[in-house]
PDB file of N, CA and C in Angstrom:
ATOM      1  N   MET A   1     104.264  62.981 147.001  1.00  0.00           N
ATOM      2  CA  MET A   1     103.464  64.059 146.165  1.00  0.00           C
ATOM      3  C   MET A   1     103.803  65.182 145.733  1.00  0.00           C
ATOM      4  N   LEU A   2     104.079  65.945 145.085  1.00  0.00           N
ATOM      5  CA  LEU A   2     104.549  67.364 144.769  1.00  0.00           C
ATOM      6  C   LEU A   2     103.188  68.257 145.150  1.00  0.00           C
ATOM      7  N   ALA A   3     103.520  69.263 145.989  1.00  0.00           N
ATOM      8  CA  ALA A   3     102.754  69.996 146.427  1.00  0.00           C
ATOM      9  C   ALA A   3     103.212  71.811 145.975  1.00  0.00           C
ATOM     10  N   PHE A   4     101.776  72.509 145.235  1.00  0.00           N
ATOM     11  CA  PHE A   4     101.659  73.218 144.517  1.00  0.00           C
ATOM     12  C   PHE A   4     101.067  74.315 145.152  1.00  0.00           C
ATOM     13  N   SER A   5     101.748  75.522 146.010  1.00  0.00           N
ATOM     14  CA  SER A   5     101.250  75.804 146.428  1.00  0.00           C
ATOM     15  C   SER A   5     100.759  77.494 145.473  1.00  0.00           C
ATOM     16  N   VAL A   6     100.416  78.403 146.198  1.00  0.00           N
ATOM     17  CA  VAL A   6     100.119  79.728 145.738  1.00  0.00           C
ATOM     18  C   VAL A   6     100.942  80.450 144.904  1.00  0.00           C
ATOM     19  N   TRP A   7     102.144  80.472 146.097  1.00  0.00           N
ATOM     20  CA  TRP A   7     104.056  80.928 145.675  1.00  0.00           C
ATOM     21  C   TRP A   7     103.991  80.695 143.965  1.00  0.00           C
ATOM     22  N   ASN A   8     103.917  79.041 144.168  1.00  0.00           N
ATOM     23  CA  ASN A   8     104.779  78.474 142.707  1.00  0.00           C
ATOM     24  C   ASN A   8     103.293  78.822 141.537  1.00  0.00           C
ATOM     25  N   ALA A   9     102.179  78.895 141.787  1.00  0.00           N
ATOM     26  CA  ALA A   9     101.178  79.187 140.940  1.00  0.00           C
ATOM     27  C   ALA A   9     101.481  80.827 140.049  1.00  0.00           C
ATOM     28  N   ILE A  10     101.735  81.834 141.467  1.00  0.00           N
ATOM     29  CA  ILE A  10     101.911  83.382 141.167  1.00  0.00           C
ATOM     30  C   ILE A  10     103.229  83.486 140.083  1.00  0.00           C
ATOM     31  N   TRP A  11     104.409  82.526 140.564  1.00  0.00           N
ATOM     32  CA  TRP A  11     105.681  82.218 139.663  1.00  0.00           C
ATOM     33  C   TRP A  11     105.286  81.658 138.543  1.00  0.00           C
ATOM     34  N   VAL A  12     104.454  80.853 137.921  1.00  0.00           N
ATOM     35  CA  VAL A  12     104.341  80.197 137.083  1.00  0.00           C
ATOM     36  C   VAL A  12     103.648  81.416 136.244  1.00  0.00           C
ATOM     37  N   VAL A  13     102.615  81.895 136.776  1.00  0.00           N
ATOM     38  CA  VAL A  13     101.860  83.280 135.775  1.00  0.00           C
ATOM     39  C   VAL A  13     103.089  84.157 135.376  1.00  0.00           C
ATOM     40  N   PHE A  14     104.023  84.880 136.482  1.00  0.00           N
ATOM     41  CA  PHE A  14     104.791  85.488 136.238  1.00  0.00           C
ATOM     42  C   PHE A  14     105.862  84.891 134.895  1.00  0.00           C
ATOM     43  N   ILE A  15     106.307  84.052 135.074  1.00  0.00           N
ATOM     44  CA  ILE A  15     107.108  83.148 134.323  1.00  0.00           C
ATOM     45  C   ILE A  15     106.490  82.851 132.770  1.00  0.00           C
ATOM     46  N   SER A  16     105.205  83.086 132.499  1.00  0.00           N
ATOM     47  CA  SER A  16     104.474  83.056 131.610  1.00  0.00           C
ATOM     48  C   SER A  16     104.045  84.298 130.588  1.00  0.00           C
ATOM     49  N   PHE A  17     103.763  85.251 132.016  1.00  0.00           N
ATOM     50  CA  PHE A  17     103.714  86.606 131.254  1.00  0.00           C
ATOM     51  C   PHE A  17     105.315  86.837 130.366  1.00  0.00           C
ATOM     52  N   LEU A  18     106.381  86.946 131.297  1.00  0.00           N
ATOM     53  CA  LEU A  18     107.545  87.123 130.287  1.00  0.00           C
ATOM     54  C   LEU A  18     107.886  86.502 129.531  1.00  0.00           C
ATOM     55  N   PHE A  19     107.298  85.396 129.405  1.00  0.00           N
ATOM     56  CA  PHE A  19     108.163  84.437 128.054  1.00  0.00           C
ATOM     57  C   PHE A  19     107.065  84.808 126.310  1.00  0.00           C
ATOM     58  N   LEU A  20     105.634  85.497 127.151  1.00  0.00           N
ATOM     59  CA  LEU A  20     104.499  85.587 126.269  1.00  0.00           C
ATOM     60  C   LEU A  20     105.633  87.291 125.435  1.00  0.00           C
ATOM     61  N   ASN A  21     105.586  87.779 126.535  1.00  0.00           N
ATOM     62  CA  ASN A  21     106.200  89.553 126.573  1.00  0.00           C
ATOM     63  C   ASN A  21     107.722  89.264 125.501  1.00  0.00           C
ATOM     64  N   LEU A  22     108.391  87.966 125.857  1.00  0.00           N
ATOM     65  CA  LEU A  22     109.428  88.148 124.949  1.00  0.00           C
ATOM     66  C   LEU A  22     109.255  87.558 123.792  1.00  0.00           C
ATOM     67  N   LEU A  23     108.196  86.598 123.490  1.00  0.00           N
ATOM     68  CA  LEU A  23     107.933  85.800 122.022  1.00  0.00           C
ATOM     69  C   LEU A  23     107.025  87.512 121.282  1.00  0.00           C
ATOM     70  N   MET A  24     106.143  88.415 121.657  1.00  0.00           N
ATOM     71  CA  MET A  24     105.734  89.582 121.232  1.00  0.00           C
ATOM     72  C   MET A  24     106.756  90.337 120.437  1.00  0.00           C
ATOM     73  N   MET A  25     107.761  90.602 121.739  1.00  0.00           N
ATOM     74  CA  MET A  25     108.697  91.603 121.166  1.00  0.00           C
ATOM     75  C   MET A  25     109.190  90.916 120.054  1.00  0.00           C
ATOM     76  N   LEU A  26     109.954  89.578 120.341  1.00  0.00           N
ATOM     77  CA  LEU A  26     110.389  89.211 118.572  1.00  0.00           C
ATOM     78  C   LEU A  26     109.639  89.097 117.693  1.00  0.00           C
ATOM     79  N   PHE A  27     108.764  88.755 117.799  1.00  0.00           N
ATOM     80  CA  PHE A  27     107.567  89.367 116.467  1.00  0.00           C
ATOM     81  C   PHE A  27     107.827  90.592 115.380  1.00  0.00           C
ATOM     82  N   ALA A  28     107.664  91.180 116.752  1.00  0.00           N
ATOM     83  CA  ALA A  28     107.908  92.335 116.781  1.00  0.00           C
ATOM     84  C   ALA A  28     108.796  92.972 115.886  1.00  0.00           C
ATOM     85  N   VAL A  29     110.096  92.847 116.277  1.00  0.00           N
ATOM     86  CA  VAL A  29     111.384  93.216 115.985  1.00  0.00           C
ATOM     87  C   VAL A  29     111.057  92.421 113.918  1.00  0.00           C
ATOM     88  N   ILE A  30     111.324  90.762 114.283  1.00  0.00           N
ATOM     89  CA  ILE A  30     111.409  90.313 113.305  1.00  0.00           C
ATOM     90  C   ILE A  30     110.203  91.281 112.172  1.00  0.00           C
ATOM     91  N   ALA A  31     109.214  91.388 112.188  1.00  0.00           N
ATOM     92  CA  ALA A  31     107.938  92.242 111.459  1.00  0.00           C
ATOM     93  C   ALA A  31     108.652  93.393 110.829  1.00  0.00           C
ATOM     94  N   ASP A  32     109.181  93.865 112.115  1.00  0.00           N
ATOM     95  CA  ASP A  32     110.365  95.042 111.722  1.00  0.00           C
ATOM     96  C   ASP A  32     111.472  94.907 110.608  1.00  0.00           C
ATOM     97  N   LEU A  33     111.827  93.833 110.485  1.00  0.00           N
ATOM     98  CA  LEU A  33     113.699  93.975 109.700  1.00  0.00           C
ATOM     99  C   LEU A  33     112.857  93.390 108.203  1.00  0.00           C
ATOM    100  N   PHE A  34     111.766  92.796 108.390  1.00  0.00           N
ATOM    101  CA  PHE A  34     110.576  92.600 106.851  1.00  0.00           C
ATOM    102  C   PHE A  34     110.498  94.074 106.161  1.00  0.00           C
ATOM    103  N   ARG A  35     109.571  94.608 107.223  1.00  0.00           N
ATOM    104  CA  ARG A  35     109.406  96.269 106.937  1.00  0.00           C
ATOM    105  C   ARG A  35     110.366  97.187 106.395  1.00  0.00           C
ATOM    106  N   ASP A  36     111.662  96.606 106.941  1.00  0.00           N
ATOM    107  CA  ASP A  36     112.382  97.492 106.014  1.00  0.00           C
ATOM    108  C   ASP A  36     113.220  97.525 104.897  1.00  0.00           C
ATOM    109  N   HIS A  37     113.270  98.080 103.846  1.00  0.00           N
ATOM    110  CA  HIS A  37     113.665  97.982 102.800  1.00  0.00           C
ATOM    111  C   HIS A  37     114.818  98.709 102.292  1.00  0.00           C
ATOM    112  N   GLU A  38     115.386  99.093 103.238  1.00  0.00           N
ATOM    113  CA  GLU A  38     116.558  99.635 103.247  1.00  0.00           C
ATOM    114  C   GLU A  38     117.604  98.847 103.368  1.00  0.00           C
ATOM    115  N   MET A  39     117.824  97.753 104.035  1.00  0.00           N
ATOM    116  CA  MET A  39     118.347  96.677 105.134  1.00  0.00           C
ATOM    117  C   MET A  39     118.654  95.315 103.915  1.00  0.00           C
ATOM    118  N   SER A  40     120.149  95.002 103.413  1.00  0.00           N
ATOM    119  CA  SER A  40     120.123  94.357 102.864  1.00  0.00           C
ATOM    120  C   SER A  40     119.874  92.697 103.382  1.00  0.00           C
ATOM    121  N   ALA A  41     119.668  91.767 102.314  1.00  0.00           N
ATOM    122  CA  ALA A  41     119.148  90.648 102.962  1.00  0.00           C
ATOM    123  C   ALA A  41     119.825  90.085 104.020  1.00  0.00           C
ATOM    124  N   VAL A  42     121.458  89.779 103.442  1.00  0.00           N
ATOM    125  CA  VAL A  42     122.135  89.394 104.406  1.00  0.00           C
ATOM    126  C   VAL A  42     122.131  90.025 105.832  1.00  0.00           C
ATOM    127  N   SER A  43     121.786  91.077 105.734  1.00  0.00           N
ATOM    128  CA  SER A  43     121.764  92.046 107.194  1.00  0.00           C
ATOM    129  C   SER A  43     120.476  91.458 107.911  1.00  0.00           C
ATOM    130  N   LYS A  44     119.585  91.169 107.263  1.00  0.00           N
ATOM    131  CA  LYS A  44     117.911  90.580 107.849  1.00  0.00           C
ATOM    132  C   LYS A  44     118.906  88.874 108.453  1.00  0.00           C
ATOM    133  N   VAL A  45     119.275  88.124 107.666  1.00  0.00           N
ATOM    134  CA  VAL A  45     119.808  87.144 108.158  1.00  0.00           C
ATOM    135  C   VAL A  45     120.406  86.991 109.457  1.00  0.00           C
ATOM    136  N   ILE A  46     121.605  87.913 109.398  1.00  0.00           N
ATOM    137  CA  ILE A  46     122.060  87.759 110.148  1.00  0.00           C
ATOM    138  C   ILE A  46     121.329  88.497 111.774  1.00  0.00           C
ATOM    139  N   TRP A  47     120.435  89.635 111.467  1.00  0.00           N
ATOM    140  CA  TRP A  47     119.728  89.993 112.623  1.00  0.00           C
ATOM    141  C   TRP A  47     118.564  88.603 113.320  1.00  0.00           C
ATOM    142  N   ILE A  48     118.166  87.715 112.155  1.00  0.00           N
ATOM    143  CA  ILE A  48     117.454  86.907 112.823  1.00  0.00           C
ATOM    144  C   ILE A  48     117.858  85.593 113.402  1.00  0.00           C
ATOM    145  N   VAL A  49     119.189  85.159 112.875  1.00  0.00           N
ATOM    146  CA  VAL A  49     120.250  84.441 113.494  1.00  0.00           C
ATOM    147  C   VAL A  49     120.427  84.905 115.140  1.00  0.00           C
ATOM    148  N   VAL A  50     120.762  86.192 115.407  1.00  0.00           N
ATOM    149  CA  VAL A  50     121.099  86.761 116.236  1.00  0.00           C
ATOM    150  C   VAL A  50     119.606  86.410 117.475  1.00  0.00           C
ATOM    151  N   LEU A  51     118.601  86.999 116.975  1.00  0.00           N
ATOM    152  CA  LEU A  51     117.296  87.053 117.841  1.00  0.00           C
ATOM    153  C   LEU A  51     117.270  85.308 118.210  1.00  0.00           C
ATOM    154  N   ILE A  52     117.468  84.588 117.370  1.00  0.00           N
ATOM    155  CA  ILE A  52     117.100  83.382 117.886  1.00  0.00           C
ATOM    156  C   ILE A  52     117.950  82.437 118.672  1.00  0.00           C
ATOM    157  N   GLY A  53     119.269  82.874 118.513  1.00  0.00           N
ATOM    158  CA  GLY A  53     120.292  82.194 119.193  1.00  0.00           C
ATOM    159  C   GLY A  53     120.308  83.129 120.397  1.00  0.00           C
ATOM    160  N   LEU A  54     120.107  84.434 120.884  1.00  0.00           N
ATOM    161  CA  LEU A  54     120.709  85.060 121.849  1.00  0.00           C
ATOM    162  C   LEU A  54     119.263  85.840 122.158  1.00  0.00           C
ATOM    163  N   PRO A  55     118.025  85.653 121.909  1.00  0.00           N
ATOM    164  CA  PRO A  55     117.090  86.863 121.746  1.00  0.00           C
ATOM    165  C   PRO A  55     116.917  87.506 122.963  1.00  0.00           C
ATOM    166  N   LEU A  56     117.355  87.773 124.094  1.00  0.00           N
ATOM    167  CA  LEU A  56     117.120  88.530 125.299  1.00  0.00           C
ATOM    168  C   LEU A  56     118.340  89.874 124.641  1.00  0.00           C
ATOM    169  N   ILE A  57     119.267  89.476 124.564  1.00  0.00           N
ATOM    170  CA  ILE A  57     120.368  90.237 123.983  1.00  0.00           C
ATOM    171  C   ILE A  57     120.208  91.057 122.633  1.00  0.00           C
ATOM    172  N   GLY A  58     120.031  89.556 121.624  1.00  0.00           N
ATOM    173  CA  GLY A  58     119.872  90.632 120.870  1.00  0.00           C
ATOM    174  C   GLY A  58     118.981  91.345 120.491  1.00  0.00           C
ATOM    175  N   LEU A  59     117.166  91.193 121.464  1.00  0.00           N
ATOM    176  CA  LEU A  59     116.608  92.156 121.326  1.00  0.00           C
ATOM    177  C   LEU A  59     116.827  93.583 121.715  1.00  0.00           C
ATOM    178  N   LEU A  60     117.818  93.712 122.755  1.00  0.00           N
ATOM    179  CA  LEU A  60     118.615  94.755 122.715  1.00  0.00           C
ATOM    180  C   LEU A  60     118.783  95.325 122.494  1.00  0.00           C
ATOM    181  N   ILE A  61     119.731  94.809 121.720  1.00  0.00           N
ATOM    182  CA  ILE A  61     120.785  95.708 120.945  1.00  0.00           C
ATOM    183  C   ILE A  61     120.125  96.063 119.345  1.00  0.00           C
ATOM    184  N   TYR A  62     118.892  95.352 119.566  1.00  0.00           N
ATOM    185  CA  TYR A  62     118.142  95.401 118.005  1.00  0.00           C
ATOM    186  C   TYR A  62     117.207  97.351 118.570  1.00  0.00           C
ATOM    187  N   VAL A  63     116.782  97.167 119.874  1.00  0.00           N
ATOM    188  CA  VAL A  63     115.845  98.395 120.251  1.00  0.00           C
ATOM    189  C   VAL A  63     116.827  99.631 120.010  1.00  0.00           C
ATOM    190  N   VAL A  64     117.843  98.804 120.896  1.00  0.00           N
ATOM    191  CA  VAL A  64     119.106 100.570 121.028  1.00  0.00           C
ATOM    192  C   VAL A  64     119.185 100.781 120.051  1.00  0.00           C
ATOM    193  N   ALA A  65     119.975 100.007 118.998  1.00  0.00           N
ATOM    194  CA  ALA A  65     120.665 100.375 118.094  1.00  0.00           C
ATOM    195  C   ALA A  65     119.256 100.846 116.540  1.00  0.00           C
ATOM    196  N   ARG A  66     118.176 100.391 116.796  1.00  0.00           N
ATOM    197  CA  ARG A  66     117.132 100.600 115.416  1.00  0.00           C
ATOM    198  C   ARG A  66     115.930 101.228 115.988  1.00  0.00           C
ATOM    199  N   ARG A  67     116.061 101.933 117.206  1.00  0.00           N
ATOM    200  CA  ARG A  67     114.539 102.134 117.477  1.00  0.00           C
ATOM    201  C   ARG A  67     114.161 103.368 116.871  1.00  0.00           C
ATOM    202  N   GLN A  68     115.021 104.483 116.354  1.00  0.00           N
ATOM    203  CA  GLN A  68     114.172 105.747 115.857  1.00  0.00           C
ATOM    204  C   GLN A  68     113.435 105.005 114.229  1.00  0.00           C
ATOM    205  N   GLY A  69     114.577 104.337 112.994  1.00  0.00           N
ATOM    206  CA  GLY A  69     113.950 103.492 112.432  1.00  0.00           C
ATOM    207  C   GLY A  69     112.726 102.671 112.625  1.00  0.00           C
ATOM    208  N   MET A  70     112.756 101.982 113.728  1.00  0.00           N
ATOM    209  CA  MET A  70     111.384 100.917 114.145  1.00  0.00           C
ATOM    210  C   MET A  70     110.598 101.685 114.351  1.00  0.00           C
ATOM    211  N   ALA A  71     110.490 103.200 114.923  1.00  0.00           N
ATOM    212  CA  ALA A  71     109.291 103.847 115.561  1.00  0.00           C
ATOM    213  C   ALA A  71     108.711 104.580 114.189  1.00  0.00           C
ATOM    214  N   ASP A  72     109.973 105.156 113.304  1.00  0.00           N
ATOM    215  CA  ASP A  72     109.390 105.486 111.587  1.00  0.00           C
ATOM    216  C   ASP A  72     108.703 104.733 110.818  1.00  0.00           C
ATOM    217  N   ARG A  73     109.048 103.510 110.918  1.00  0.00           N
ATOM    218  CA  ARG A  73     108.600 102.432 110.198  1.00  0.00           C
ATOM    219  C   ARG A  73     107.121 101.725 110.640  1.00  0.00           C
ATOM    220  N   ALA A  74     106.757 101.931 112.484  1.00  0.00           N
ATOM    221  CA  ALA A  74     105.535 101.606 112.317  1.00  0.00           C
ATOM    222  C   ALA A  74     104.650 102.915 111.999  1.00  0.00           C
ATOM    223  N   VAL A  75     105.002 103.879 112.194  1.00  0.00           N
ATOM    224  CA  VAL A  75     104.563 105.229 112.113  1.00  0.00           C
ATOM    225  C   VAL A  75     104.171 105.032 110.719  1.00  0.00           C
ATOM    226  N   GLU A  76     104.903 105.152 109.761  1.00  0.00           N
ATOM    227  CA  GLU A  76     104.700 105.161 108.208  1.00  0.00           C
ATOM    228  C   GLU A  76     103.375 103.726 107.811  1.00  0.00           C
ATOM    229  N   SER A  77     103.714 102.726 108.741  1.00  0.00           N
ATOM    230  CA  SER A  77     102.897 101.479 108.179  1.00  0.00           C
ATOM    231  C   SER A  77     101.506 101.979 108.502  1.00  0.00           C
ATOM    232  N   GLN A  78     101.332 102.676 110.067  1.00  0.00           N
ATOM    233  CA  GLN A  78      99.626 103.021 110.328  1.00  0.00           C
ATOM    234  C   GLN A  78      99.177 103.859 109.837  1.00  0.00           C
ATOM    235  N   VAL A  79     100.154 104.804 109.145  1.00  0.00           N
ATOM    236  CA  VAL A  79      99.204 105.809 108.007  1.00  0.00           C
ATOM    237  C   VAL A  79      98.871 105.169 106.817  1.00  0.00           C
ATOM    238  N   GLU A  80     100.110 104.724 106.583  1.00  0.00           N
ATOM    239  CA  GLU A  80      98.847 103.807 105.204  1.00  0.00           C
ATOM    240  C   GLU A  80      98.059 102.946 105.230  1.00  0.00           C
ATOM    241  N   ALA A  81      98.107 101.911 106.075  1.00  0.00           N
ATOM    242  CA  ALA A  81      96.870 101.377 106.768  1.00  0.00           C
ATOM    243  C   ALA A  81      95.619 102.102 106.724  1.00  0.00           C
ATOM    244  N   ASN A  82      95.866 103.468 107.392  1.00  0.00           N
ATOM    245  CA  ASN A  82      94.622 104.219 107.897  1.00  0.00           C
ATOM    246  C   ASN A  82      94.448 105.071 106.065  1.00  0.00           C
ATOM    247  N   ARG A  83      95.208 105.346 105.388  1.00  0.00           N
ATOM    248  CA  ARG A  83      94.861 106.035 103.727  1.00  0.00           C
ATOM    249  C   ARG A  83      94.302 105.050 103.044  1.00  0.00           C
ATOM    250  N   SER A  84      94.591 103.962 103.401  1.00  0.00           N
ATOM    251  CA  SER A  84      94.203 102.387 102.582  1.00  0.00           C
ATOM    252  C   SER A  84      92.250 102.239 103.216  1.00  0.00           C
ATOM    253  N   PHE A  85      92.634 102.618 104.285  1.00  0.00           N
ATOM    254  CA  PHE A  85      91.155 102.098 105.070  1.00  0.00           C
ATOM    255  C   PHE A  85      90.091 103.195 104.678  1.00  0.00           C
ATOM    256  N   ASP A  86      90.602 104.550 104.615  1.00  0.00           N
ATOM    257  CA  ASP A  86      89.999 105.527 104.114  1.00  0.00           C
ATOM    258  C   ASP A  86      89.783 105.554 102.852  1.00  0.00           C
ATOM    259  N   SER A  87      90.468 105.427 102.069  1.00  0.00           N
ATOM    260  CA  SER A  87      90.033 105.144 100.342  1.00  0.00           C
ATOM    261  C   SER A  87      88.802 104.405 100.286  1.00  0.00           C
ATOM    262  N   TYR A  88      89.157 102.899 101.365  1.00  0.00           N
ATOM    263  CA  TYR A  88      87.960 101.803 101.148  1.00  0.00           C
ATOM    264  C   TYR A  88      87.178 102.342 101.509  1.00  0.00           C
ATOM    265  N   VAL A  89      86.777 103.526 102.519  1.00  0.00           N
ATOM    266  CA  VAL A  89      85.779 103.373 103.191  1.00  0.00           C
ATOM    267  C   VAL A  89      84.699 104.714 102.391  1.00  0.00           C
ATOM    268  N   ARG A  90      85.453 105.399 101.343  1.00  0.00           N
ATOM    269  CA  ARG A  90      85.025 106.748 100.543  1.00  0.00           C
ATOM    270  C   ARG A  90      84.250 105.642  99.452  1.00  0.00           C
ATOM    271  N   ASP A  91      85.035 104.692  98.908  1.00  0.00           N
ATOM    272  CA  ASP A  91      84.783 104.221  97.799  1.00  0.00           C
ATOM    273  C   ASP A  91      83.331 103.091  97.718  1.00  0.00           C
ATOM    274  N   VAL A  92      83.085 102.640  98.711  1.00  0.00           N
ATOM    275  CA  VAL A  92      82.089 102.421  99.150  1.00  0.00           C
ATOM    276  C   VAL A  92      80.886 103.015  99.510  1.00  0.00           C
ATOM    277  N   ALA A  93      81.359 103.948 100.381  1.00  0.00           N
ATOM    278  CA  ALA A  93      80.145 104.842 100.980  1.00  0.00           C
ATOM    279  C   ALA A  93      79.698 105.349  99.406  1.00  0.00           C
ATOM    280  N   GLY A  94      80.549 106.304  99.040  1.00  0.00           N
ATOM    281  CA  GLY A  94      80.283 107.524  98.212  1.00  0.00           C
ATOM    282  C   GLY A  94      80.266 106.893  97.039  1.00  0.00           C
ATOM    283  N   GLY A  95      81.037 105.949  96.271  1.00  0.00           N
ATOM    284  CA  GLY A  95      81.380 105.123  95.041  1.00  0.00           C
ATOM    285  C   GLY A  95      82.809 105.852  94.421  1.00  0.00           C
ATOM    286  N   GLY A  96      83.036 107.004  94.866  1.00  0.00           N
ATOM    287  CA  GLY A  96      84.667 107.094  94.796  1.00  0.00           C
ATOM    288  C   GLY A  96      84.448 108.129  93.371  1.00  0.00           C
ATOM    289  N   ALA A  97      85.494 108.260  93.002  1.00  0.00           N
ATOM    290  CA  ALA A  97      85.727 109.718  92.099  1.00  0.00           C
ATOM    291  C   ALA A  97      84.979 109.106  90.673  1.00  0.00           C
ATOM    292  N   ALA A  98      84.902 108.369  90.260  1.00  0.00           N
ATOM    293  CA  ALA A  98      83.981 107.573  89.026  1.00  0.00           C
ATOM    294  C   ALA A  98      82.697 108.132  89.242  1.00  0.00           C
ATOM    295  N   THR A  99      81.920 108.199  90.433  1.00  0.00           N
ATOM    296  CA  THR A  99      80.679 108.767  90.393  1.00  0.00           C
ATOM    297  C   THR A  99      80.524 109.790  90.742  1.00  0.00           C
ATOM    298  N   GLU A 100      81.116 110.871  91.088  1.00  0.00           N
ATOM    299  CA  GLU A 100      81.532 111.914  91.290  1.00  0.00           C
ATOM    300  C   GLU A 100      81.569 112.909  89.892  1.00  0.00           C
ATOM    301  N   LEU A 101      82.448 111.818  89.053  1.00  0.00           N
ATOM    302  CA  LEU A 101      82.481 112.433  87.864  1.00  0.00           C
ATOM    303  C   LEU A 101      81.665 112.303  86.808  1.00  0.00           C
ATOM    304  N   GLU A 102      80.698 110.980  87.117  1.00  0.00           N
ATOM    305  CA  GLU A 102      79.490 110.802  86.265  1.00  0.00           C
ATOM    306  C   GLU A 102      78.515 111.926  86.740  1.00  0.00           C
ATOM    307  N   LYS A 103      78.121 112.433  87.916  1.00  0.00           N
ATOM    308  CA  LYS A 103      77.482 113.437  88.407  1.00  0.00           C
ATOM    309  C   LYS A 103      77.707 114.604  87.628  1.00  0.00           C
ATOM    310  N   ALA A 104      79.141 114.880  87.768  1.00  0.00           N
ATOM    311  CA  ALA A 104      79.241 116.271  87.305  1.00  0.00           C
ATOM    312  C   ALA A 104      79.385 116.283  86.123  1.00  0.00           C
ATOM    313  N   SER A 105      79.593 115.529  85.140  1.00  0.00           N
ATOM    314  CA  SER A 105      78.995 115.181  83.849  1.00  0.00           C
ATOM    315  C   SER A 105      77.705 115.241  83.626  1.00  0.00           C
ATOM    316  N   THR A 106      76.812 114.745  83.879  1.00  0.00           N
ATOM    317  CA  THR A 106      75.173 114.974  84.132  1.00  0.00           C
ATOM    318  C   THR A 106      74.863 116.509  84.357  1.00  0.00           C
ATOM    319  N   LEU A 107      75.358 117.112  85.252  1.00  0.00           N
ATOM    320  CA  LEU A 107      75.010 118.070  85.229  1.00  0.00           C
ATOM    321  C   LEU A 107      75.619 119.305  84.071  1.00  0.00           C
ATOM    322  N   HIS A 108      76.727 118.906  83.745  1.00  0.00           N
ATOM    323  CA  HIS A 108      77.173 119.835  82.687  1.00  0.00           C
ATOM    324  C   HIS A 108      76.383 119.527  81.265  1.00  0.00           C
ATOM    325  N   THR A 109      76.132 118.151  81.016  1.00  0.00           N
ATOM    326  CA  THR A 109      75.509 117.999  79.959  1.00  0.00           C
ATOM    327  C   THR A 109      74.074 118.773  80.020  1.00  0.00           C
ATOM    328  N   ALA A 110      73.303 118.482  81.290  1.00  0.00           N
ATOM    329  CA  ALA A 110      72.091 119.346  81.924  1.00  0.00           C
ATOM    330  C   ALA A 110      72.135 120.840  81.461  1.00  0.00           C
ATOM    331  N   GLY A 111      73.599 121.192  81.711  1.00  0.00           N
ATOM    332  CA  GLY A 111      73.642 122.733  81.492  1.00  0.00           C
ATOM    333  C   GLY A 111      73.830 123.546  82.672  1.00  0.00           C
ATOM    334  N   GLN A 112      73.835 122.676  83.404  1.00  0.00           N
ATOM    335  CA  GLN A 112      73.755 123.082  84.895  1.00  0.00           C
ATOM    336  C   GLN A 112      74.958 123.789  85.712  1.00  0.00           C
ATOM    337  N   LEU A 113      75.859 123.204  84.870  1.00  0.00           N
ATOM    338  CA  LEU A 113      77.295 123.662  85.023  1.00  0.00           C
ATOM    339  C   LEU A 113      78.253 124.053  83.720  1.00  0.00           C
ATOM    340  N   SER A 114      78.906 125.337  83.967  1.00  0.00           N
ATOM    341  CA  SER A 114      79.361 125.788  82.751  1.00  0.00           C
ATOM    342  C   SER A 114      80.733 124.721  82.527  1.00  0.00           C
ATOM    343  N   ASP A 115      81.590 125.415  81.268  1.00  0.00           N
ATOM    344  CA  ASP A 115      82.396 124.446  80.986  1.00  0.00           C
ATOM    345  C   ASP A 115      83.498 124.686  81.964  1.00  0.00           C
ATOM    346  N   ASP A 116      83.639 126.081  82.253  1.00  0.00           N
ATOM    347  CA  ASP A 116      84.895 126.175  83.257  1.00  0.00           C
ATOM    348  C   ASP A 116      84.479 126.015  84.741  1.00  0.00           C
ATOM    349  N   GLU A 117      83.359 125.698  84.656  1.00  0.00           N
ATOM    350  CA  GLU A 117      83.250 125.265  86.542  1.00  0.00           C
ATOM    351  C   GLU A 117      82.731 123.850  86.265  1.00  0.00           C
ATOM    352  N   TYR A 118      82.902 122.902  85.118  1.00  0.00           N
ATOM    353  CA  TYR A 118      82.941 121.529  85.372  1.00  0.00           C
ATOM    354  C   TYR A 118      84.263 121.353  85.027  1.00  0.00           C
ATOM    355  N   SER A 119      85.500 122.327  84.580  1.00  0.00           N
ATOM    356  CA  SER A 119      86.566 121.634  84.252  1.00  0.00           C
ATOM    357  C   SER A 119      86.908 122.116  85.780  1.00  0.00           C
ATOM    358  N   ALA A 120      87.076 122.680  86.516  1.00  0.00           N
ATOM    359  CA  ALA A 120      87.610 123.152  87.756  1.00  0.00           C
ATOM    360  C   ALA A 120      87.136 121.844  88.486  1.00  0.00           C
ATOM    361  N   LEU A 121      85.585 121.733  88.643  1.00  0.00           N
ATOM    362  CA  LEU A 121      85.317 120.296  89.502  1.00  0.00           C
ATOM    363  C   LEU A 121      86.096 119.241  88.946  1.00  0.00           C
ATOM    364  N   LYS A 122      86.201 118.908  87.407  1.00  0.00           N
ATOM    365  CA  LYS A 122      86.952 117.873  87.373  1.00  0.00           C
ATOM    366  C   LYS A 122      88.158 117.903  87.899  1.00  0.00           C
ATOM    367  N   ALA A 123      89.134 118.646  87.854  1.00  0.00           N
ATOM    368  CA  ALA A 123      90.586 118.568  88.140  1.00  0.00           C
ATOM    369  C   ALA A 123      90.391 118.667  89.647  1.00  0.00           C
ATOM    370  N   ARG A 124      89.273 119.211  90.517  1.00  0.00           N
ATOM    371  CA  ARG A 124      89.307 118.855  92.092  1.00  0.00           C
ATOM    372  C   ARG A 124      89.167 117.407  92.402  1.00  0.00           C
ATOM    373  N   ILE A 125      88.679 116.829  91.716  1.00  0.00           N
ATOM    374  CA  ILE A 125      87.611 115.372  91.706  1.00  0.00           C
ATOM    375  C   ILE A 125      89.070 114.449  91.924  1.00  0.00           C
ATOM    376  N   LEU A 126      89.962 114.749  90.862  1.00  0.00           N
ATOM    377  CA  LEU A 126      90.649 113.989  90.013  1.00  0.00           C
ATOM    378  C   LEU A 126      91.933 114.130  90.491  1.00  0.00           C
ATOM    379  N   ALA A 127      91.898 115.292  91.505  1.00  0.00           N
ATOM    380  CA  ALA A 127      93.501 115.208  92.100  1.00  0.00           C
ATOM    381  C   ALA A 127      93.212 114.538  93.429  1.00  0.00           C
TER     382      ALA A 127
END
């Protein structure tokens, strides 16, 4: 009968933790490869082959060689996601630019806004 001690359980948890971290890092690097539009397709294929063939060494080389570009692309991706989310919230909550233009037009036709005020408000909304 095989004895399974507490130390064996701790060892299994530790190895599992390292394996999951390796997988997460591999997915992050592969996602970064596909996010990089400046790199050629051949270079991407070579990197993927290296990452699959020698995952630890490939990860280390990729992160050391391309760390700044990787960070820049991650920040750019988050900024774009925030812009997209903010735009969505503005459209859902406030109706967006079309609703504001409609309100401004209604005020202008009712005589509550002069032509100059309406033009300035329209330019601000469309900017």
